[in-house]
Amino acid sequence: MSVELESTSLTDSLTTALRKQIIASEIPPGEKLSEIWVANRFTVARPTAKAALDRLTNEGLLRRGPRRTAVVPQLSADDVADLYFAREPIESRAVMTLANRSEVPGDADRSLVLMRMAAERDQHAEHTESDIALHRALVAATGSARLRRMHETVMGETQLCIAQVRAHAGLDLGALTDRHAAILEAIRSGDPDQAVAALLTDLNSCRDTLLADLKAAQNQDNKIRA
């Protein structure tokens, strides 16, 4: 099956298409993605397929197997804990920097609006996408290219983690949105300590929710096998 790509840079379009399919589990965990497989699926040249696979591997959405074949990972509880552990120092530095300037980037404000709209409509995938975009906007607004690169190495994997693990039933998207609003308000008011505290409240809550969802899924699997 060939997939039509958007008319921007071919490598960018291919990367975007693969990313969407991986996060939506259309390409499921454990799936092996060779250059030939990608080239045939999307009707592109092998160098283009290789470039896209390399990008997604750098983002953490793919991992290289023993024979260097890219594989969609199945993220574990250790992965969840480590992702949020890695995000904490990067994003704490970002919100401290922005709070010292009392500067909330416009992209973060726009993402918050989209989160509220998604929460009102109970749109989990759209809410997650805007959530990730808000955190990326905060780091990008620091103006540090290196901090942003470090952040990008964990955010793609974070989005995959949320897509794979999060149980939608009972999740309060309104409360989750309010936690992000508290981060922006603390930044806007020029309070670095409160901005970091609000950020950690959000990160820790998200981590704990994902770990609980993962444990519940594993318990359910064990019951089915028994």
N, C-alpha and C. Protein backbone atom coordinates (compact mmCIF):
# COMPACT_ATOMS: atom_id res chain seq x y z
N MET A 1 0.85 -1.20 0.00
CA MET A 1 0.00 0.00 0.00
C MET A 1 0.88 1.24 0.00
N SER A 2 0.69 2.14 -0.95
CA SER A 2 1.44 3.40 -0.96
C SER A 2 0.65 4.46 -0.19
N VAL A 3 1.39 5.41 0.40
CA VAL A 3 0.78 6.46 1.21
C VAL A 3 1.15 7.81 0.61
N GLU A 4 0.18 8.65 0.34
CA GLU A 4 0.44 9.96 -0.24
C GLU A 4 1.04 10.88 0.81
N LEU A 5 2.09 11.61 0.41
CA LEU A 5 2.79 12.49 1.34
C LEU A 5 2.41 13.94 1.11
N GLU A 6 2.61 14.75 2.15
CA GLU A 6 2.36 16.18 2.04
C GLU A 6 3.44 16.82 1.16
N SER A 7 3.11 17.94 0.51
CA SER A 7 4.01 18.55 -0.46
C SER A 7 4.96 19.55 0.20
N THR A 8 5.80 19.09 1.12
CA THR A 8 6.90 19.91 1.62
C THR A 8 8.17 19.15 1.29
N SER A 9 9.23 19.33 2.03
CA SER A 9 10.42 18.52 1.81
C SER A 9 10.05 17.06 1.91
N LEU A 10 10.53 16.25 0.97
CA LEU A 10 10.13 14.84 0.93
C LEU A 10 10.55 14.11 2.19
N THR A 11 11.76 14.37 2.67
CA THR A 11 12.21 13.72 3.90
C THR A 11 11.37 14.16 5.09
N ASP A 12 11.05 15.47 5.15
CA ASP A 12 10.21 15.97 6.24
C ASP A 12 8.83 15.33 6.18
N SER A 13 8.28 15.22 4.98
CA SER A 13 6.95 14.63 4.82
C SER A 13 6.94 13.17 5.22
N LEU A 14 7.98 12.44 4.80
CA LEU A 14 8.07 11.03 5.14
C LEU A 14 8.22 10.86 6.65
N THR A 15 9.07 11.68 7.25
CA THR A 15 9.26 11.61 8.71
C THR A 15 7.95 11.87 9.43
N THR A 16 7.23 12.89 8.99
CA THR A 16 5.94 13.24 9.62
C THR A 16 4.94 12.10 9.47
N ALA A 17 4.87 11.51 8.28
CA ALA A 17 3.92 10.42 8.04
C ALA A 17 4.24 9.21 8.90
N LEU A 18 5.52 8.86 8.97
CA LEU A 18 5.93 7.73 9.81
C LEU A 18 5.66 8.00 11.28
N ARG A 19 5.98 9.22 11.71
CA ARG A 19 5.77 9.58 13.11
C ARG A 19 4.29 9.44 13.48
N LYS A 20 3.41 9.94 12.64
CA LYS A 20 1.97 9.86 12.91
C LYS A 20 1.51 8.41 13.00
N GLN A 21 2.00 7.57 12.10
CA GLN A 21 1.56 6.18 12.09
C GLN A 21 2.11 5.41 13.29
N ILE A 22 3.32 5.74 13.71
CA ILE A 22 3.89 5.08 14.89
C ILE A 22 3.12 5.48 16.15
N ILE A 23 2.86 6.77 16.31
CA ILE A 23 2.17 7.25 17.51
C ILE A 23 0.73 6.73 17.54
N ALA A 24 0.11 6.58 16.37
CA ALA A 24 -1.27 6.07 16.31
C ALA A 24 -1.32 4.54 16.37
N SER A 25 -0.14 3.90 16.50
CA SER A 25 -0.03 2.43 16.54
C SER A 25 -0.46 1.78 15.24
N GLU A 26 -0.54 2.56 14.15
CA GLU A 26 -0.76 1.95 12.84
C GLU A 26 0.47 1.15 12.44
N ILE A 27 1.63 1.59 12.91
CA ILE A 27 2.85 0.79 12.86
C ILE A 27 3.10 0.40 14.31
N PRO A 28 2.81 -0.83 14.71
CA PRO A 28 2.75 -1.18 16.13
C PRO A 28 4.11 -1.45 16.76
N PRO A 29 4.17 -1.47 18.10
CA PRO A 29 5.40 -1.83 18.80
C PRO A 29 5.91 -3.19 18.34
N GLY A 30 7.21 -3.28 18.15
CA GLY A 30 7.81 -4.52 17.69
C GLY A 30 7.97 -4.60 16.19
N GLU A 31 7.29 -3.71 15.45
CA GLU A 31 7.39 -3.71 13.98
C GLU A 31 8.79 -3.28 13.56
N LYS A 32 9.36 -4.03 12.60
CA LYS A 32 10.68 -3.71 12.07
C LYS A 32 10.53 -2.88 10.81
N LEU A 33 11.27 -1.77 10.75
CA LEU A 33 11.18 -0.86 9.61
C LEU A 33 12.52 -0.83 8.89
N SER A 34 12.62 -1.57 7.81
CA SER A 34 13.83 -1.53 6.99
C SER A 34 13.71 -0.40 5.98
N GLU A 35 14.84 -0.01 5.41
CA GLU A 35 14.82 1.03 4.38
C GLU A 35 13.96 0.60 3.19
N ILE A 36 14.07 -0.67 2.81
CA ILE A 36 13.30 -1.18 1.67
C ILE A 36 11.81 -1.16 1.98
N TRP A 37 11.44 -1.57 3.21
CA TRP A 37 10.02 -1.57 3.61
C TRP A 37 9.44 -0.17 3.53
N VAL A 38 10.16 0.80 4.07
CA VAL A 38 9.68 2.19 4.07
C VAL A 38 9.63 2.73 2.64
N ALA A 39 10.67 2.45 1.86
CA ALA A 39 10.71 2.94 0.47
C ALA A 39 9.54 2.41 -0.33
N ASN A 40 9.22 1.14 -0.16
CA ASN A 40 8.10 0.56 -0.90
C ASN A 40 6.75 1.06 -0.39
N ARG A 41 6.62 1.19 0.92
CA ARG A 41 5.34 1.62 1.50
C ARG A 41 4.98 3.04 1.08
N PHE A 42 6.00 3.91 1.01
CA PHE A 42 5.74 5.33 0.74
C PHE A 42 6.20 5.77 -0.65
N THR A 43 6.69 4.83 -1.45
CA THR A 43 7.14 5.13 -2.81
C THR A 43 8.18 6.24 -2.82
N VAL A 44 9.26 6.03 -2.10
CA VAL A 44 10.37 6.98 -2.05
C VAL A 44 11.67 6.21 -2.28
N ALA A 45 12.74 6.95 -2.52
CA ALA A 45 14.05 6.33 -2.70
C ALA A 45 14.61 5.87 -1.36
N ARG A 46 15.48 4.89 -1.41
CA ARG A 46 16.05 4.36 -0.16
C ARG A 46 16.82 5.41 0.65
N PRO A 47 17.58 6.33 0.02
CA PRO A 47 18.25 7.36 0.83
C PRO A 47 17.26 8.23 1.61
N THR A 48 16.09 8.50 1.01
CA THR A 48 15.06 9.27 1.72
C THR A 48 14.51 8.47 2.88
N ALA A 49 14.28 7.18 2.65
CA ALA A 49 13.80 6.31 3.72
C ALA A 49 14.80 6.25 4.85
N LYS A 50 16.09 6.12 4.51
CA LYS A 50 17.13 6.07 5.53
C LYS A 50 17.18 7.34 6.35
N ALA A 51 17.07 8.50 5.68
CA ALA A 51 17.12 9.78 6.38
C ALA A 51 15.97 9.91 7.38
N ALA A 52 14.77 9.48 6.96
CA ALA A 52 13.61 9.55 7.86
C ALA A 52 13.77 8.60 9.04
N LEU A 53 14.25 7.40 8.78
CA LEU A 53 14.47 6.43 9.86
C LEU A 53 15.51 6.94 10.85
N ASP A 54 16.55 7.57 10.33
CA ASP A 54 17.59 8.13 11.21
C ASP A 54 17.01 9.22 12.10
N ARG A 55 16.18 10.08 11.53
CA ARG A 55 15.56 11.16 12.32
C ARG A 55 14.70 10.59 13.45
N LEU A 56 13.87 9.62 13.10
CA LEU A 56 12.97 9.06 14.10
C LEU A 56 13.72 8.26 15.16
N THR A 57 14.84 7.68 14.79
CA THR A 57 15.68 7.00 15.77
C THR A 57 16.27 8.02 16.74
N ASN A 58 16.71 9.16 16.20
CA ASN A 58 17.24 10.23 17.06
C ASN A 58 16.18 10.78 18.00
N GLU A 59 14.92 10.76 17.56
CA GLU A 59 13.81 11.24 18.40
C GLU A 59 13.39 10.22 19.45
N GLY A 60 13.85 8.98 19.32
CA GLY A 60 13.47 7.93 20.26
C GLY A 60 12.22 7.18 19.86
N LEU A 61 11.65 7.52 18.70
CA LEU A 61 10.45 6.81 18.25
C LEU A 61 10.79 5.46 17.64
N LEU A 62 12.05 5.28 17.29
CA LEU A 62 12.54 4.00 16.79
C LEU A 62 13.84 3.67 17.51
N ARG A 63 14.14 2.38 17.58
CA ARG A 63 15.42 1.94 18.12
C ARG A 63 16.07 1.00 17.12
N ARG A 64 17.37 0.98 17.12
CA ARG A 64 18.10 0.11 16.21
C ARG A 64 18.26 -1.27 16.82
N GLY A 65 17.91 -2.30 16.04
CA GLY A 65 18.06 -3.68 16.49
C GLY A 65 19.48 -4.18 16.29
N PRO A 66 19.72 -5.46 16.59
CA PRO A 66 21.07 -6.04 16.49
C PRO A 66 21.68 -5.89 15.10
N ARG A 67 20.84 -5.96 14.06
CA ARG A 67 21.34 -5.82 12.70
C ARG A 67 21.09 -4.43 12.14
N ARG A 68 20.94 -3.47 13.04
CA ARG A 68 20.75 -2.06 12.68
C ARG A 68 19.40 -1.80 12.03
N THR A 69 18.49 -2.77 12.09
CA THR A 69 17.13 -2.53 11.59
C THR A 69 16.36 -1.72 12.62
N ALA A 70 15.64 -0.70 12.17
CA ALA A 70 14.86 0.13 13.08
C ALA A 70 13.63 -0.63 13.56
N VAL A 71 13.34 -0.51 14.85
CA VAL A 71 12.21 -1.20 15.46
C VAL A 71 11.41 -0.20 16.31
N VAL A 72 10.08 -0.29 16.25
CA VAL A 72 9.24 0.52 17.13
C VAL A 72 9.31 -0.09 18.53
N PRO A 73 9.77 0.67 19.54
CA PRO A 73 9.93 0.08 20.87
C PRO A 73 8.62 -0.04 21.62
N GLN A 74 8.55 -1.04 22.49
CA GLN A 74 7.46 -1.13 23.46
C GLN A 74 8.00 -0.59 24.77
N LEU A 75 7.50 0.56 25.20
CA LEU A 75 8.08 1.25 26.36
C LEU A 75 7.62 0.61 27.67
N SER A 76 8.54 0.54 28.61
CA SER A 76 8.32 -0.13 29.89
C SER A 76 8.17 0.88 31.02
N ALA A 77 7.92 0.38 32.21
CA ALA A 77 7.84 1.25 33.39
C ALA A 77 9.16 1.97 33.62
N ASP A 78 10.27 1.28 33.40
CA ASP A 78 11.58 1.92 33.55
C ASP A 78 11.76 3.04 32.54
N ASP A 79 11.26 2.83 31.32
CA ASP A 79 11.33 3.88 30.29
C ASP A 79 10.53 5.11 30.72
N VAL A 80 9.33 4.88 31.24
CA VAL A 80 8.47 5.99 31.69
C VAL A 80 9.18 6.80 32.77
N ALA A 81 9.69 6.11 33.79
CA ALA A 81 10.36 6.80 34.89
C ALA A 81 11.57 7.58 34.39
N ASP A 82 12.33 6.98 33.49
CA ASP A 82 13.55 7.62 33.01
C ASP A 82 13.25 8.82 32.13
N LEU A 83 12.20 8.74 31.32
CA LEU A 83 11.82 9.87 30.48
C LEU A 83 11.50 11.10 31.32
N TYR A 84 10.71 10.91 32.35
CA TYR A 84 10.33 12.06 33.19
C TYR A 84 11.49 12.54 34.06
N PHE A 85 12.36 11.62 34.43
CA PHE A 85 13.58 12.00 35.14
C PHE A 85 14.45 12.90 34.25
N ALA A 86 14.56 12.55 32.97
CA ALA A 86 15.37 13.33 32.03
C ALA A 86 14.74 14.68 31.71
N ARG A 87 13.42 14.72 31.65
CA ARG A 87 12.75 15.99 31.32
C ARG A 87 12.87 17.02 32.43
N GLU A 88 12.91 16.56 33.66
CA GLU A 88 12.85 17.48 34.80
C GLU A 88 13.92 18.57 34.78
N PRO A 89 15.21 18.25 34.68
CA PRO A 89 16.21 19.33 34.72
C PRO A 89 16.14 20.25 33.51
N ILE A 90 15.81 19.70 32.33
CA ILE A 90 15.74 20.53 31.13
C ILE A 90 14.60 21.53 31.24
N GLU A 91 13.41 21.03 31.57
CA GLU A 91 12.25 21.91 31.60
C GLU A 91 12.25 22.83 32.81
N SER A 92 12.83 22.38 33.91
CA SER A 92 12.96 23.27 35.07
C SER A 92 13.81 24.49 34.73
N ARG A 93 14.92 24.23 34.03
CA ARG A 93 15.79 25.34 33.62
C ARG A 93 15.04 26.28 32.69
N ALA A 94 14.23 25.71 31.80
CA ALA A 94 13.48 26.54 30.85
C ALA A 94 12.48 27.44 31.55
N VAL A 95 11.68 26.88 32.45
CA VAL A 95 10.65 27.71 33.09
C VAL A 95 11.26 28.74 34.04
N MET A 96 12.39 28.39 34.67
CA MET A 96 13.09 29.38 35.50
C MET A 96 13.56 30.57 34.66
N THR A 97 14.14 30.25 33.50
CA THR A 97 14.64 31.29 32.61
C THR A 97 13.52 32.20 32.14
N LEU A 98 12.40 31.60 31.74
CA LEU A 98 11.28 32.39 31.25
C LEU A 98 10.62 33.20 32.36
N ALA A 99 10.53 32.62 33.56
CA ALA A 99 9.93 33.34 34.69
C ALA A 99 10.78 34.54 35.07
N ASN A 100 12.07 34.41 34.98
CA ASN A 100 12.95 35.56 35.27
C ASN A 100 12.73 36.70 34.28
N ARG A 101 12.20 36.37 33.13
CA ARG A 101 11.86 37.40 32.13
C ARG A 101 10.37 37.76 32.16
N SER A 102 9.58 37.02 32.95
CA SER A 102 8.11 37.12 32.93
C SER A 102 7.59 36.97 31.50
N GLU A 103 8.15 36.00 30.80
CA GLU A 103 7.87 35.84 29.37
C GLU A 103 7.22 34.49 29.08
N VAL A 104 5.96 34.54 28.66
CA VAL A 104 5.25 33.34 28.21
C VAL A 104 5.21 33.38 26.69
N PRO A 105 5.83 32.41 26.02
CA PRO A 105 5.82 32.44 24.55
C PRO A 105 4.41 32.27 23.99
N GLY A 106 4.18 32.96 22.88
CA GLY A 106 2.86 32.89 22.25
C GLY A 106 2.47 31.48 21.88
N ASP A 107 3.44 30.67 21.45
CA ASP A 107 3.11 29.30 21.07
C ASP A 107 2.61 28.49 22.26
N ALA A 108 3.13 28.79 23.45
CA ALA A 108 2.66 28.09 24.65
C ALA A 108 1.23 28.50 24.98
N ASP A 109 0.93 29.79 24.87
CA ASP A 109 -0.44 30.26 25.11
C ASP A 109 -1.42 29.63 24.12
N ARG A 110 -1.00 29.55 22.86
CA ARG A 110 -1.87 28.95 21.84
C ARG A 110 -2.09 27.46 22.12
N SER A 111 -1.04 26.78 22.55
CA SER A 111 -1.18 25.36 22.87
C SER A 111 -2.14 25.15 24.03
N LEU A 112 -2.09 26.06 25.01
CA LEU A 112 -3.01 25.95 26.15
C LEU A 112 -4.46 26.12 25.70
N VAL A 113 -4.71 27.05 24.79
CA VAL A 113 -6.06 27.24 24.25
C VAL A 113 -6.53 25.96 23.56
N LEU A 114 -5.64 25.34 22.78
CA LEU A 114 -5.99 24.10 22.09
C LEU A 114 -6.23 22.96 23.08
N MET A 115 -5.47 22.95 24.17
CA MET A 115 -5.69 21.94 25.21
C MET A 115 -7.08 22.09 25.81
N ARG A 116 -7.49 23.33 26.08
CA ARG A 116 -8.82 23.57 26.66
C ARG A 116 -9.92 23.12 25.70
N MET A 117 -9.73 23.42 24.43
CA MET A 117 -10.73 23.01 23.44
C MET A 117 -10.82 21.49 23.36
N ALA A 118 -9.66 20.83 23.37
CA ALA A 118 -9.64 19.37 23.33
C ALA A 118 -10.26 18.76 24.58
N ALA A 119 -10.01 19.40 25.73
CA ALA A 119 -10.58 18.90 26.99
C ALA A 119 -12.10 19.00 26.97
N GLU A 120 -12.62 20.10 26.44
CA GLU A 120 -14.06 20.29 26.38
C GLU A 120 -14.72 19.24 25.48
N ARG A 121 -13.97 18.79 24.46
CA ARG A 121 -14.51 17.83 23.49
C ARG A 121 -14.09 16.39 23.80
N ASP A 122 -13.35 16.23 24.89
CA ASP A 122 -12.85 14.91 25.29
C ASP A 122 -12.02 14.27 24.18
N GLN A 123 -11.17 15.07 23.56
CA GLN A 123 -10.31 14.61 22.47
C GLN A 123 -8.91 14.33 23.02
N HIS A 124 -8.66 13.08 23.36
CA HIS A 124 -7.41 12.74 24.05
C HIS A 124 -6.18 12.90 23.18
N ALA A 125 -6.24 12.43 21.94
CA ALA A 125 -5.07 12.52 21.07
C ALA A 125 -4.69 13.97 20.80
N GLU A 126 -5.71 14.80 20.52
CA GLU A 126 -5.46 16.22 20.25
C GLU A 126 -4.93 16.92 21.50
N HIS A 127 -5.43 16.53 22.67
CA HIS A 127 -4.97 17.12 23.92
C HIS A 127 -3.50 16.78 24.15
N THR A 128 -3.14 15.54 23.92
CA THR A 128 -1.74 15.13 24.10
C THR A 128 -0.82 15.89 23.15
N GLU A 129 -1.25 16.04 21.91
CA GLU A 129 -0.43 16.75 20.92
C GLU A 129 -0.19 18.20 21.36
N SER A 130 -1.22 18.85 21.87
CA SER A 130 -1.07 20.24 22.31
C SER A 130 -0.26 20.33 23.60
N ASP A 131 -0.41 19.34 24.47
CA ASP A 131 0.38 19.25 25.70
C ASP A 131 1.87 19.20 25.36
N ILE A 132 2.25 18.30 24.45
CA ILE A 132 3.64 18.17 24.04
C ILE A 132 4.13 19.47 23.40
N ALA A 133 3.28 20.08 22.57
CA ALA A 133 3.66 21.33 21.90
C ALA A 133 3.92 22.44 22.90
N LEU A 134 3.13 22.49 23.98
CA LEU A 134 3.33 23.53 25.00
C LEU A 134 4.70 23.39 25.66
N HIS A 135 5.06 22.17 26.04
CA HIS A 135 6.35 21.96 26.68
C HIS A 135 7.50 22.28 25.72
N ARG A 136 7.33 21.91 24.46
CA ARG A 136 8.36 22.23 23.48
C ARG A 136 8.50 23.74 23.31
N ALA A 137 7.38 24.45 23.32
CA ALA A 137 7.41 25.91 23.15
C ALA A 137 8.16 26.58 24.29
N LEU A 138 7.99 26.07 25.50
CA LEU A 138 8.68 26.67 26.65
C LEU A 138 10.19 26.53 26.51
N VAL A 139 10.64 25.36 26.11
CA VAL A 139 12.08 25.14 25.97
C VAL A 139 12.63 25.94 24.79
N ALA A 140 11.90 25.95 23.70
CA ALA A 140 12.35 26.70 22.52
C ALA A 140 12.49 28.19 22.82
N ALA A 141 11.62 28.72 23.67
CA ALA A 141 11.62 30.15 23.96
C ALA A 141 12.83 30.61 24.77
N THR A 142 13.56 29.67 25.35
CA THR A 142 14.78 30.06 26.08
C THR A 142 15.84 30.61 25.14
N GLY A 143 15.75 30.22 23.86
CA GLY A 143 16.74 30.67 22.89
C GLY A 143 18.00 29.82 22.88
N SER A 144 18.02 28.75 23.68
CA SER A 144 19.19 27.88 23.73
C SER A 144 19.00 26.71 22.76
N ALA A 145 19.80 26.71 21.69
CA ALA A 145 19.69 25.63 20.71
C ALA A 145 20.08 24.29 21.31
N ARG A 146 21.06 24.30 22.21
CA ARG A 146 21.51 23.04 22.81
C ARG A 146 20.48 22.47 23.77
N LEU A 147 19.86 23.35 24.56
CA LEU A 147 18.82 22.88 25.47
C LEU A 147 17.66 22.29 24.67
N ARG A 148 17.34 22.95 23.58
CA ARG A 148 16.24 22.47 22.73
C ARG A 148 16.57 21.11 22.13
N ARG A 149 17.81 20.92 21.67
CA ARG A 149 18.21 19.63 21.10
C ARG A 149 18.12 18.52 22.15
N MET A 150 18.57 18.81 23.36
CA MET A 150 18.47 17.81 24.43
C MET A 150 17.02 17.45 24.69
N HIS A 151 16.17 18.47 24.68
CA HIS A 151 14.75 18.26 24.95
C HIS A 151 14.10 17.41 23.86
N GLU A 152 14.46 17.67 22.62
CA GLU A 152 13.86 16.92 21.50
C GLU A 152 14.20 15.44 21.57
N THR A 153 15.34 15.10 22.19
CA THR A 153 15.70 13.68 22.27
C THR A 153 14.76 12.90 23.18
N VAL A 154 14.01 13.58 24.05
CA VAL A 154 13.10 12.87 24.94
C VAL A 154 11.62 13.11 24.62
N MET A 155 11.31 14.20 23.90
CA MET A 155 9.90 14.54 23.72
C MET A 155 9.18 13.64 22.71
N GLY A 156 9.88 13.23 21.66
CA GLY A 156 9.25 12.29 20.73
C GLY A 156 8.93 10.98 21.42
N GLU A 157 9.88 10.53 22.23
CA GLU A 157 9.68 9.29 22.97
C GLU A 157 8.59 9.46 24.02
N THR A 158 8.50 10.65 24.61
CA THR A 158 7.44 10.92 25.58
C THR A 158 6.06 10.80 24.92
N GLN A 159 5.93 11.37 23.73
CA GLN A 159 4.64 11.30 23.04
C GLN A 159 4.28 9.86 22.70
N LEU A 160 5.28 9.08 22.28
CA LEU A 160 5.04 7.66 22.01
C LEU A 160 4.64 6.94 23.28
N CYS A 161 5.30 7.27 24.38
CA CYS A 161 5.00 6.66 25.67
C CYS A 161 3.55 6.92 26.07
N ILE A 162 3.12 8.16 25.95
CA ILE A 162 1.74 8.51 26.31
C ILE A 162 0.75 7.76 25.42
N ALA A 163 1.06 7.71 24.12
CA ALA A 163 0.16 7.03 23.18
C ALA A 163 0.05 5.54 23.49
N GLN A 164 1.16 4.92 23.87
CA GLN A 164 1.16 3.48 24.13
C GLN A 164 0.53 3.12 25.46
N VAL A 165 0.72 3.98 26.46
CA VAL A 165 0.41 3.58 27.83
C VAL A 165 -0.89 4.14 28.37
N ARG A 166 -1.16 5.40 28.07
CA ARG A 166 -2.24 6.08 28.78
C ARG A 166 -3.60 5.43 28.55
N ALA A 167 -4.29 5.15 29.65
CA ALA A 167 -5.67 4.68 29.60
C ALA A 167 -6.58 5.90 29.63
N HIS A 168 -7.46 6.04 28.66
CA HIS A 168 -8.26 7.25 28.55
C HIS A 168 -9.40 7.30 29.56
N ALA A 169 -9.90 6.17 29.97
CA ALA A 169 -11.06 6.15 30.86
C ALA A 169 -10.76 6.86 32.17
N GLY A 170 -11.58 7.83 32.50
CA GLY A 170 -11.45 8.50 33.78
C GLY A 170 -10.40 9.59 33.84
N LEU A 171 -9.66 9.81 32.77
CA LEU A 171 -8.63 10.84 32.78
C LEU A 171 -9.29 12.22 32.69
N ASP A 172 -8.97 13.09 33.64
CA ASP A 172 -9.57 14.42 33.71
C ASP A 172 -8.73 15.39 32.88
N LEU A 173 -9.12 15.60 31.63
CA LEU A 173 -8.36 16.48 30.76
C LEU A 173 -8.44 17.94 31.23
N GLY A 174 -9.54 18.31 31.87
CA GLY A 174 -9.67 19.67 32.39
C GLY A 174 -8.65 19.95 33.47
N ALA A 175 -8.49 19.01 34.41
CA ALA A 175 -7.51 19.18 35.49
C ALA A 175 -6.09 19.20 34.94
N LEU A 176 -5.85 18.37 33.94
CA LEU A 176 -4.53 18.34 33.31
C LEU A 176 -4.23 19.67 32.63
N THR A 177 -5.23 20.24 31.99
CA THR A 177 -5.07 21.55 31.37
C THR A 177 -4.81 22.63 32.42
N ASP A 178 -5.52 22.56 33.53
CA ASP A 178 -5.33 23.55 34.60
C ASP A 178 -3.90 23.52 35.15
N ARG A 179 -3.30 22.33 35.21
CA ARG A 179 -1.92 22.24 35.70
C ARG A 179 -0.96 22.98 34.76
N HIS A 180 -1.24 22.89 33.47
CA HIS A 180 -0.39 23.62 32.52
C HIS A 180 -0.65 25.12 32.58
N ALA A 181 -1.89 25.49 32.83
CA ALA A 181 -2.20 26.91 32.99
C ALA A 181 -1.44 27.49 34.20
N ALA A 182 -1.29 26.69 35.25
CA ALA A 182 -0.58 27.15 36.44
C ALA A 182 0.90 27.40 36.13
N ILE A 183 1.48 26.59 35.27
CA ILE A 183 2.88 26.81 34.88
C ILE A 183 3.02 28.16 34.17
N LEU A 184 2.14 28.40 33.21
CA LEU A 184 2.22 29.65 32.44
C LEU A 184 1.95 30.86 33.31
N GLU A 185 1.01 30.73 34.25
CA GLU A 185 0.69 31.85 35.13
C GLU A 185 1.87 32.20 36.02
N ALA A 186 2.56 31.19 36.53
CA ALA A 186 3.72 31.44 37.37
C ALA A 186 4.84 32.11 36.58
N ILE A 187 5.02 31.69 35.33
CA ILE A 187 6.02 32.33 34.47
C ILE A 187 5.65 33.78 34.22
N ARG A 188 4.38 33.99 33.89
CA ARG A 188 3.91 35.34 33.57
C ARG A 188 4.05 36.28 34.77
N SER A 189 3.87 35.74 35.97
CA SER A 189 3.97 36.58 37.18
C SER A 189 5.41 36.79 37.63
N GLY A 190 6.35 36.16 36.94
CA GLY A 190 7.76 36.37 37.27
C GLY A 190 8.22 35.64 38.52
N ASP A 191 7.66 34.48 38.79
CA ASP A 191 8.00 33.71 40.00
C ASP A 191 8.67 32.39 39.59
N PRO A 192 10.01 32.38 39.52
CA PRO A 192 10.71 31.16 39.08
C PRO A 192 10.45 29.96 39.97
N ASP A 193 10.44 30.16 41.28
CA ASP A 193 10.23 29.02 42.20
C ASP A 193 8.85 28.40 41.99
N GLN A 194 7.85 29.25 41.86
CA GLN A 194 6.49 28.73 41.66
C GLN A 194 6.35 28.08 40.28
N ALA A 195 7.06 28.63 39.30
CA ALA A 195 7.01 28.04 37.96
C ALA A 195 7.59 26.63 37.97
N VAL A 196 8.71 26.45 38.66
CA VAL A 196 9.31 25.12 38.75
C VAL A 196 8.41 24.18 39.55
N ALA A 197 7.82 24.68 40.64
CA ALA A 197 6.92 23.85 41.45
C ALA A 197 5.72 23.40 40.63
N ALA A 198 5.15 24.30 39.84
CA ALA A 198 4.00 23.95 39.00
C ALA A 198 4.40 22.94 37.93
N LEU A 199 5.58 23.12 37.36
CA LEU A 199 6.08 22.18 36.37
C LEU A 199 6.25 20.79 36.97
N LEU A 200 6.87 20.72 38.14
CA LEU A 200 7.12 19.42 38.76
C LEU A 200 5.81 18.73 39.16
N THR A 201 4.83 19.52 39.58
CA THR A 201 3.52 18.95 39.88
C THR A 201 2.95 18.27 38.65
N ASP A 202 3.08 18.93 37.50
CA ASP A 202 2.57 18.36 36.25
C ASP A 202 3.36 17.12 35.85
N LEU A 203 4.68 17.22 35.82
CA LEU A 203 5.50 16.09 35.38
C LEU A 203 5.32 14.87 36.28
N ASN A 204 5.33 15.10 37.59
CA ASN A 204 5.19 13.98 38.53
C ASN A 204 3.82 13.32 38.42
N SER A 205 2.78 14.15 38.25
CA SER A 205 1.44 13.61 38.12
C SER A 205 1.30 12.78 36.84
N CYS A 206 1.83 13.30 35.73
CA CYS A 206 1.78 12.58 34.47
C CYS A 206 2.55 11.26 34.56
N ARG A 207 3.73 11.32 35.16
CA ARG A 207 4.54 10.10 35.33
C ARG A 207 3.77 9.06 36.13
N ASP A 208 3.20 9.48 37.25
CA ASP A 208 2.52 8.53 38.13
C ASP A 208 1.28 7.94 37.45
N THR A 209 0.58 8.77 36.67
CA THR A 209 -0.60 8.28 35.95
C THR A 209 -0.20 7.24 34.92
N LEU A 210 0.87 7.51 34.18
CA LEU A 210 1.33 6.56 33.17
C LEU A 210 1.80 5.26 33.80
N LEU A 211 2.51 5.34 34.91
CA LEU A 211 2.97 4.14 35.60
C LEU A 211 1.79 3.32 36.11
N ALA A 212 0.77 4.00 36.63
CA ALA A 212 -0.42 3.30 37.11
C ALA A 212 -1.15 2.63 35.95
N ASP A 213 -1.26 3.33 34.83
CA ASP A 213 -1.92 2.75 33.65
C ASP A 213 -1.16 1.53 33.14
N LEU A 214 0.16 1.63 33.13
CA LEU A 214 0.98 0.52 32.67
C LEU A 214 0.83 -0.69 33.58
N LYS A 215 0.82 -0.46 34.87
CA LYS A 215 0.64 -1.55 35.83
C LYS A 215 -0.73 -2.20 35.67
N ALA A 216 -1.75 -1.38 35.48
CA ALA A 216 -3.10 -1.92 35.30
C ALA A 216 -3.18 -2.78 34.03
N ALA A 217 -2.53 -2.32 32.97
CA ALA A 217 -2.54 -3.08 31.72
C ALA A 217 -1.81 -4.41 31.89
N GLN A 218 -0.70 -4.38 32.61
CA GLN A 218 0.05 -5.62 32.84
C GLN A 218 -0.75 -6.60 33.69
N ASN A 219 -1.45 -6.08 34.71
CA ASN A 219 -2.28 -6.94 35.55
C ASN A 219 -3.40 -7.57 34.73
N GLN A 220 -3.97 -6.80 33.82
CA GLN A 220 -5.03 -7.33 32.96
C GLN A 220 -4.50 -8.42 32.05
N ASP A 221 -3.30 -8.20 31.51
CA ASP A 221 -2.67 -9.22 30.66
C ASP A 221 -2.42 -10.50 31.44
N ASN A 222 -1.98 -10.34 32.68
CA ASN A 222 -1.71 -11.52 33.52
C ASN A 222 -2.97 -12.32 33.80
N LYS A 223 -4.10 -11.60 34.00
CA LYS A 223 -5.38 -12.27 34.25
C LYS A 223 -5.82 -13.06 33.02
N ILE A 224 -5.61 -12.46 31.85
CA ILE A 224 -6.03 -13.12 30.60
C ILE A 224 -5.20 -14.39 30.38
N ARG A 225 -3.92 -14.31 30.67
CA ARG A 225 -3.03 -15.46 30.49
C ARG A 225 -3.33 -16.56 31.50
N ALA A 226 -3.76 -16.15 32.71
CA ALA A 226 -4.08 -17.13 33.75
C ALA A 226 -5.36 -17.87 33.38
